[in-house]
Amino acid sequence: MSKRILLVDNSKQFRANLKRFLRIDPDLEVIAEAQGGEEACALADEHKPDLVLMDLKMGAMDGIEATRRIKNANPQTQIIVLTVYDEDLYRSDAAAAGAADYILKEEIPDNLLRSIKSILSIKD
């Protein structure tokens, strides 16, 4: 059974590219997409994904607050923050909110699938 993923990023193009990238693994299925934190919280409540790939900076509700709310409502859902911000404060805030990992967008090809498989206990 494939692992269900919610993509959250304010860039439609980034979400489309990420979705194409994730299709290479048959164990992963993108079930929904959100462009902001509030929409992400609503979709997480509706779909109960195994994993959320969360942007850090978006509109009215940022990725830290959305992570906190999703983890409070759905503790079993894992969250990986994907961002361009390589700053310790953001890393610690994401971890405190419940994020399982923090990956820079430039590192996605090298690190994202490995992180997903580790967090969701998917064997290669």
N, C-alpha and C. Protein backbone atom coordinates (compact mmCIF):
# COMPACT_ATOMS: atom_id res chain seq x y z
N MET A 1 0.84 -1.19 0.00
CA MET A 1 0.00 0.00 0.00
C MET A 1 0.88 1.24 0.00
N SER A 2 0.60 2.17 -0.90
CA SER A 2 1.44 3.36 -1.01
C SER A 2 1.19 4.34 0.13
N LYS A 3 2.21 5.15 0.41
CA LYS A 3 2.13 6.17 1.44
C LYS A 3 1.52 7.43 0.82
N ARG A 4 0.59 8.03 1.54
CA ARG A 4 -0.19 9.17 1.04
C ARG A 4 0.47 10.49 1.45
N ILE A 5 0.68 11.36 0.46
CA ILE A 5 1.42 12.61 0.67
C ILE A 5 0.57 13.82 0.31
N LEU A 6 0.65 14.84 1.17
CA LEU A 6 0.06 16.16 0.92
C LEU A 6 1.21 17.11 0.61
N LEU A 7 1.15 17.80 -0.53
CA LEU A 7 2.15 18.80 -0.91
C LEU A 7 1.64 20.18 -0.54
N VAL A 8 2.49 20.98 0.12
CA VAL A 8 2.10 22.32 0.51
C VAL A 8 3.19 23.30 0.09
N ASP A 9 2.87 24.16 -0.87
CA ASP A 9 3.81 25.18 -1.34
C ASP A 9 3.01 26.23 -2.08
N ASN A 10 3.38 27.50 -1.92
CA ASN A 10 2.64 28.56 -2.59
C ASN A 10 2.94 28.64 -4.08
N SER A 11 3.94 27.90 -4.55
CA SER A 11 4.27 27.88 -5.98
C SER A 11 3.64 26.66 -6.66
N LYS A 12 2.74 26.92 -7.56
CA LYS A 12 2.10 25.84 -8.31
C LYS A 12 3.14 25.06 -9.12
N GLN A 13 4.11 25.77 -9.69
CA GLN A 13 5.16 25.14 -10.49
C GLN A 13 6.03 24.22 -9.63
N PHE A 14 6.37 24.69 -8.42
CA PHE A 14 7.18 23.85 -7.53
C PHE A 14 6.40 22.58 -7.16
N ARG A 15 5.12 22.72 -6.85
CA ARG A 15 4.31 21.55 -6.52
C ARG A 15 4.26 20.57 -7.69
N ALA A 16 4.11 21.09 -8.90
CA ALA A 16 4.05 20.23 -10.09
C ALA A 16 5.37 19.49 -10.28
N ASN A 17 6.49 20.19 -10.11
CA ASN A 17 7.81 19.55 -10.25
C ASN A 17 8.04 18.51 -9.17
N LEU A 18 7.63 18.82 -7.95
CA LEU A 18 7.80 17.89 -6.85
C LEU A 18 6.94 16.64 -7.06
N LYS A 19 5.75 16.84 -7.55
CA LYS A 19 4.85 15.71 -7.82
C LYS A 19 5.46 14.78 -8.88
N ARG A 20 6.03 15.38 -9.94
CA ARG A 20 6.70 14.57 -10.97
C ARG A 20 7.88 13.80 -10.38
N PHE A 21 8.65 14.46 -9.52
CA PHE A 21 9.80 13.84 -8.88
C PHE A 21 9.37 12.65 -8.02
N LEU A 22 8.30 12.81 -7.26
CA LEU A 22 7.84 11.75 -6.36
C LEU A 22 7.25 10.55 -7.09
N ARG A 23 6.80 10.77 -8.32
CA ARG A 23 6.21 9.66 -9.10
C ARG A 23 7.22 8.56 -9.41
N ILE A 24 8.50 8.83 -9.27
CA ILE A 24 9.50 7.81 -9.58
C ILE A 24 9.46 6.67 -8.56
N ASP A 25 8.83 6.91 -7.43
CA ASP A 25 8.75 5.88 -6.39
C ASP A 25 7.33 5.34 -6.30
N PRO A 26 7.11 4.06 -6.61
CA PRO A 26 5.76 3.50 -6.59
C PRO A 26 5.15 3.40 -5.19
N ASP A 27 5.96 3.57 -4.15
CA ASP A 27 5.46 3.52 -2.78
C ASP A 27 4.83 4.83 -2.33
N LEU A 28 4.91 5.87 -3.17
CA LEU A 28 4.43 7.20 -2.79
C LEU A 28 3.30 7.66 -3.69
N GLU A 29 2.29 8.29 -3.08
CA GLU A 29 1.14 8.80 -3.83
C GLU A 29 0.77 10.19 -3.32
N VAL A 30 0.81 11.18 -4.21
CA VAL A 30 0.37 12.53 -3.85
C VAL A 30 -1.15 12.53 -3.90
N ILE A 31 -1.78 12.79 -2.75
CA ILE A 31 -3.24 12.72 -2.67
C ILE A 31 -3.91 14.08 -2.69
N ALA A 32 -3.13 15.14 -2.37
CA ALA A 32 -3.71 16.49 -2.36
C ALA A 32 -2.59 17.52 -2.37
N GLU A 33 -2.97 18.75 -2.75
CA GLU A 33 -2.03 19.86 -2.79
C GLU A 33 -2.68 21.09 -2.19
N ALA A 34 -1.86 21.87 -1.48
CA ALA A 34 -2.34 23.12 -0.89
C ALA A 34 -1.33 24.21 -1.20
N GLN A 35 -1.83 25.45 -1.30
CA GLN A 35 -0.91 26.55 -1.57
C GLN A 35 -0.66 27.42 -0.35
N GLY A 36 -1.28 27.09 0.78
CA GLY A 36 -1.07 27.86 2.00
C GLY A 36 -1.35 27.03 3.23
N GLY A 37 -1.00 27.58 4.38
CA GLY A 37 -1.12 26.88 5.65
C GLY A 37 -2.53 26.51 6.05
N GLU A 38 -3.46 27.43 5.89
CA GLU A 38 -4.85 27.14 6.28
C GLU A 38 -5.43 26.02 5.43
N GLU A 39 -5.18 26.09 4.13
CA GLU A 39 -5.66 25.03 3.23
C GLU A 39 -5.00 23.70 3.58
N ALA A 40 -3.73 23.74 3.94
CA ALA A 40 -3.01 22.52 4.32
C ALA A 40 -3.64 21.87 5.54
N CYS A 41 -3.98 22.67 6.54
CA CYS A 41 -4.61 22.13 7.75
C CYS A 41 -5.95 21.47 7.42
N ALA A 42 -6.74 22.12 6.60
CA ALA A 42 -8.05 21.57 6.22
C ALA A 42 -7.89 20.26 5.44
N LEU A 43 -6.95 20.23 4.50
CA LEU A 43 -6.74 19.03 3.70
C LEU A 43 -6.15 17.89 4.53
N ALA A 44 -5.29 18.23 5.48
CA ALA A 44 -4.73 17.20 6.36
C ALA A 44 -5.83 16.58 7.22
N ASP A 45 -6.74 17.40 7.72
CA ASP A 45 -7.87 16.88 8.50
C ASP A 45 -8.77 15.99 7.64
N GLU A 46 -8.97 16.39 6.40
CA GLU A 46 -9.85 15.63 5.50
C GLU A 46 -9.22 14.32 5.04
N HIS A 47 -7.96 14.36 4.62
CA HIS A 47 -7.34 13.20 3.97
C HIS A 47 -6.47 12.34 4.88
N LYS A 48 -6.07 12.86 6.04
CA LYS A 48 -5.20 12.12 6.97
C LYS A 48 -3.98 11.52 6.25
N PRO A 49 -3.14 12.37 5.65
CA PRO A 49 -1.98 11.84 4.92
C PRO A 49 -0.95 11.22 5.86
N ASP A 50 -0.13 10.35 5.30
CA ASP A 50 0.99 9.79 6.06
C ASP A 50 2.09 10.84 6.22
N LEU A 51 2.21 11.71 5.21
CA LEU A 51 3.30 12.68 5.17
C LEU A 51 2.83 13.98 4.54
N VAL A 52 3.32 15.08 5.10
CA VAL A 52 3.11 16.40 4.50
C VAL A 52 4.48 16.97 4.16
N LEU A 53 4.64 17.42 2.92
CA LEU A 53 5.84 18.15 2.51
C LEU A 53 5.46 19.62 2.54
N MET A 54 6.02 20.36 3.51
CA MET A 54 5.55 21.69 3.90
C MET A 54 6.55 22.79 3.57
N ASP A 55 6.10 23.77 2.81
CA ASP A 55 6.90 24.98 2.57
C ASP A 55 6.94 25.79 3.87
N LEU A 56 7.95 26.61 4.03
CA LEU A 56 8.09 27.37 5.26
C LEU A 56 7.37 28.71 5.20
N LYS A 57 7.55 29.44 4.13
CA LYS A 57 6.99 30.79 4.02
C LYS A 57 5.88 30.84 2.98
N MET A 58 4.64 31.09 3.46
CA MET A 58 3.50 31.19 2.56
C MET A 58 2.41 32.01 3.21
N GLY A 59 1.95 33.01 2.56
CA GLY A 59 0.75 33.76 2.94
C GLY A 59 0.49 33.98 4.41
N ALA A 60 -0.78 33.93 4.77
CA ALA A 60 -1.24 34.29 6.11
C ALA A 60 -0.74 33.34 7.19
N MET A 61 -0.71 32.05 6.93
CA MET A 61 -0.24 31.08 7.93
C MET A 61 1.02 30.40 7.39
N ASP A 62 2.13 30.57 8.10
CA ASP A 62 3.38 29.99 7.62
C ASP A 62 3.45 28.49 7.91
N GLY A 63 4.51 27.86 7.41
CA GLY A 63 4.67 26.43 7.55
C GLY A 63 4.88 25.96 8.98
N ILE A 64 5.46 26.81 9.82
CA ILE A 64 5.66 26.43 11.22
C ILE A 64 4.32 26.29 11.93
N GLU A 65 3.46 27.29 11.79
CA GLU A 65 2.14 27.24 12.43
C GLU A 65 1.29 26.11 11.85
N ALA A 66 1.35 25.93 10.53
CA ALA A 66 0.59 24.85 9.91
C ALA A 66 1.08 23.48 10.40
N THR A 67 2.39 23.34 10.54
CA THR A 67 2.96 22.10 11.07
C THR A 67 2.44 21.84 12.48
N ARG A 68 2.47 22.85 13.31
CA ARG A 68 2.00 22.72 14.70
C ARG A 68 0.54 22.27 14.73
N ARG A 69 -0.29 22.92 13.93
CA ARG A 69 -1.72 22.58 13.92
C ARG A 69 -1.99 21.18 13.38
N ILE A 70 -1.29 20.82 12.32
CA ILE A 70 -1.50 19.49 11.74
C ILE A 70 -1.05 18.42 12.73
N LYS A 71 0.09 18.60 13.36
CA LYS A 71 0.59 17.61 14.33
C LYS A 71 -0.34 17.51 15.54
N ASN A 72 -0.90 18.63 15.99
CA ASN A 72 -1.83 18.59 17.11
C ASN A 72 -3.10 17.82 16.76
N ALA A 73 -3.60 18.02 15.55
CA ALA A 73 -4.84 17.37 15.13
C ALA A 73 -4.62 15.93 14.64
N ASN A 74 -3.46 15.68 14.06
CA ASN A 74 -3.15 14.38 13.45
C ASN A 74 -1.73 13.97 13.82
N PRO A 75 -1.51 13.54 15.05
CA PRO A 75 -0.15 13.25 15.51
C PRO A 75 0.58 12.18 14.70
N GLN A 76 -0.16 11.30 14.04
CA GLN A 76 0.47 10.24 13.26
C GLN A 76 1.05 10.75 11.94
N THR A 77 0.60 11.91 11.48
CA THR A 77 1.08 12.47 10.22
C THR A 77 2.50 13.01 10.42
N GLN A 78 3.40 12.59 9.54
CA GLN A 78 4.78 13.08 9.56
C GLN A 78 4.89 14.30 8.66
N ILE A 79 5.79 15.22 9.02
CA ILE A 79 5.95 16.44 8.23
C ILE A 79 7.43 16.70 7.97
N ILE A 80 7.73 16.98 6.71
CA ILE A 80 9.07 17.41 6.31
C ILE A 80 8.94 18.83 5.78
N VAL A 81 9.72 19.74 6.35
CA VAL A 81 9.73 21.12 5.88
C VAL A 81 10.71 21.21 4.72
N LEU A 82 10.25 21.80 3.61
CA LEU A 82 11.08 22.06 2.44
C LEU A 82 11.19 23.56 2.27
N THR A 83 12.41 24.08 2.24
CA THR A 83 12.57 25.54 2.25
C THR A 83 13.86 25.98 1.59
N VAL A 84 13.96 27.26 1.31
CA VAL A 84 15.20 27.86 0.83
C VAL A 84 15.98 28.50 1.97
N TYR A 85 15.39 28.53 3.18
CA TYR A 85 16.00 29.22 4.32
C TYR A 85 16.88 28.28 5.14
N ASP A 86 18.18 28.48 5.04
CA ASP A 86 19.14 27.67 5.78
C ASP A 86 19.53 28.42 7.06
N GLU A 87 18.58 28.47 8.00
CA GLU A 87 18.80 29.22 9.24
C GLU A 87 18.44 28.34 10.44
N ASP A 88 19.32 28.37 11.44
CA ASP A 88 19.13 27.54 12.63
C ASP A 88 17.81 27.83 13.35
N LEU A 89 17.41 29.10 13.41
CA LEU A 89 16.17 29.46 14.10
C LEU A 89 14.97 28.77 13.45
N TYR A 90 14.92 28.79 12.12
CA TYR A 90 13.81 28.12 11.42
C TYR A 90 13.86 26.62 11.65
N ARG A 91 15.06 26.05 11.64
CA ARG A 91 15.21 24.61 11.88
C ARG A 91 14.66 24.24 13.27
N SER A 92 15.05 25.02 14.28
CA SER A 92 14.61 24.69 15.64
C SER A 92 13.12 24.94 15.81
N ASP A 93 12.58 25.99 15.19
CA ASP A 93 11.14 26.24 15.25
C ASP A 93 10.35 25.10 14.58
N ALA A 94 10.86 24.63 13.45
CA ALA A 94 10.19 23.52 12.74
C ALA A 94 10.20 22.26 13.60
N ALA A 95 11.34 21.97 14.21
CA ALA A 95 11.43 20.79 15.06
C ALA A 95 10.50 20.91 16.27
N ALA A 96 10.45 22.09 16.88
CA ALA A 96 9.59 22.31 18.04
C ALA A 96 8.11 22.17 17.66
N ALA A 97 7.77 22.52 16.41
CA ALA A 97 6.38 22.40 15.94
C ALA A 97 6.01 20.96 15.61
N GLY A 98 7.02 20.09 15.49
CA GLY A 98 6.74 18.68 15.22
C GLY A 98 7.25 18.15 13.90
N ALA A 99 8.00 18.96 13.15
CA ALA A 99 8.53 18.48 11.87
C ALA A 99 9.56 17.38 12.10
N ALA A 100 9.49 16.34 11.27
CA ALA A 100 10.42 15.22 11.38
C ALA A 100 11.75 15.52 10.69
N ASP A 101 11.74 16.43 9.72
CA ASP A 101 12.97 16.77 9.01
C ASP A 101 12.83 18.16 8.41
N TYR A 102 13.95 18.73 8.02
CA TYR A 102 14.04 20.08 7.45
C TYR A 102 15.04 19.97 6.32
N ILE A 103 14.57 20.13 5.09
CA ILE A 103 15.42 19.94 3.92
C ILE A 103 15.39 21.20 3.05
N LEU A 104 16.57 21.63 2.65
CA LEU A 104 16.65 22.77 1.74
C LEU A 104 16.20 22.33 0.35
N LYS A 105 15.48 23.20 -0.33
CA LYS A 105 14.95 22.84 -1.64
C LYS A 105 16.07 22.48 -2.61
N GLU A 106 17.22 23.11 -2.48
CA GLU A 106 18.34 22.79 -3.37
C GLU A 106 18.88 21.38 -3.14
N GLU A 107 18.57 20.79 -1.99
CA GLU A 107 19.05 19.45 -1.65
C GLU A 107 18.03 18.35 -1.98
N ILE A 108 16.89 18.72 -2.53
CA ILE A 108 15.81 17.75 -2.76
C ILE A 108 16.25 16.53 -3.57
N PRO A 109 16.90 16.70 -4.71
CA PRO A 109 17.21 15.48 -5.47
C PRO A 109 18.07 14.49 -4.68
N ASP A 110 18.96 15.00 -3.85
CA ASP A 110 19.87 14.12 -3.12
C ASP A 110 19.28 13.56 -1.84
N ASN A 111 18.47 14.32 -1.13
CA ASN A 111 18.08 13.96 0.22
C ASN A 111 16.61 13.64 0.46
N LEU A 112 15.72 14.11 -0.38
CA LEU A 112 14.30 14.00 -0.05
C LEU A 112 13.79 12.56 -0.01
N LEU A 113 14.04 11.77 -1.03
CA LEU A 113 13.52 10.40 -1.04
C LEU A 113 14.11 9.59 0.12
N ARG A 114 15.38 9.79 0.40
CA ARG A 114 16.01 9.08 1.52
C ARG A 114 15.33 9.44 2.84
N SER A 115 15.03 10.72 3.03
CA SER A 115 14.36 11.18 4.24
C SER A 115 12.95 10.61 4.34
N ILE A 116 12.20 10.67 3.25
CA ILE A 116 10.83 10.14 3.23
C ILE A 116 10.84 8.66 3.60
N LYS A 117 11.71 7.89 2.95
CA LYS A 117 11.74 6.45 3.21
C LYS A 117 12.12 6.15 4.65
N SER A 118 13.04 6.92 5.20
CA SER A 118 13.43 6.72 6.59
C SER A 118 12.29 7.05 7.54
N ILE A 119 11.66 8.20 7.34
CA ILE A 119 10.59 8.65 8.23
C ILE A 119 9.37 7.73 8.16
N LEU A 120 9.05 7.25 6.96
CA LEU A 120 7.88 6.40 6.79
C LEU A 120 8.21 4.91 6.84
N SER A 121 9.46 4.59 7.14
CA SER A 121 9.91 3.19 7.24
C SER A 121 9.60 2.40 5.98
N ILE A 122 9.97 2.97 4.83
CA ILE A 122 9.82 2.28 3.55
C ILE A 122 11.18 1.69 3.19
N LYS A 123 11.20 0.42 2.90
CA LYS A 123 12.46 -0.25 2.52
C LYS A 123 12.73 -0.06 1.04
N ASP A 124 14.01 0.09 0.72
CA ASP A 124 14.40 0.21 -0.71
C ASP A 124 14.32 -1.11 -1.40
